[in-house]
Amino acid sequence: MKDTSLFSWDNGSFIMIVVFGLVIIGLVAAVFLMMNFDKKIKK
């Protein structure tokens, strides 16, 4: 099996996965903050 590039844990892949995860967490946090601000404004 030469097609194991998805599962190779060299530095490049690991850093990209970590950055991708941080971006997703940031987007989810931004959505929750917007929801909280909307609730405060409506009240």
Protein backbone atom coordinates (compact mmCIF):
# COMPACT_ATOMS: atom_id res chain seq x y z
CA MET A 1 0.00 0.00 0.00
CA LYS A 2 1.76 3.13 -1.18
CA ASP A 3 -1.35 5.32 -0.72
CA THR A 4 -0.87 6.04 2.99
CA SER A 5 -0.28 9.79 2.72
CA LEU A 6 -3.43 10.43 4.77
CA PHE A 7 -2.04 8.49 7.73
CA SER A 8 1.61 9.60 7.66
CA TRP A 9 2.37 11.62 10.83
CA ASP A 10 5.29 13.68 9.54
CA ASN A 11 5.49 17.30 10.68
CA GLY A 12 3.71 18.84 7.66
CA SER A 13 0.57 16.70 7.94
CA PHE A 14 0.42 17.05 11.72
CA ILE A 15 0.71 20.86 11.62
CA MET A 16 -1.95 21.12 8.89
CA ILE A 17 -4.37 18.91 10.89
CA VAL A 18 -3.81 21.00 14.04
CA VAL A 19 -4.34 24.27 12.15
CA PHE A 20 -7.49 22.88 10.50
CA GLY A 21 -8.86 21.82 13.88
CA LEU A 22 -8.14 25.25 15.40
CA VAL A 23 -9.92 26.97 12.50
CA ILE A 24 -13.03 24.79 12.98
CA ILE A 25 -13.02 25.45 16.75
CA GLY A 26 -12.70 29.19 16.04
CA LEU A 27 -15.66 29.15 13.65
CA VAL A 28 -17.85 27.26 16.14
CA ALA A 29 -16.87 29.67 18.93
CA ALA A 30 -17.70 32.65 16.67
CA VAL A 31 -21.16 31.19 15.92
CA PHE A 32 -21.88 30.68 19.63
CA LEU A 33 -20.74 34.24 20.42
CA MET A 34 -23.02 35.63 17.68
CA MET A 35 -25.95 33.60 19.06
CA ASN A 36 -25.31 34.92 22.58
CA PHE A 37 -25.06 38.53 21.36
CA ASP A 38 -28.32 38.13 19.39
CA LYS A 39 -30.11 36.87 22.51
CA LYS A 40 -28.81 39.81 24.57
CA ILE A 41 -29.86 42.34 21.90
CA LYS A 42 -33.36 40.83 21.56
CA LYS A 43 -33.90 40.95 25.34
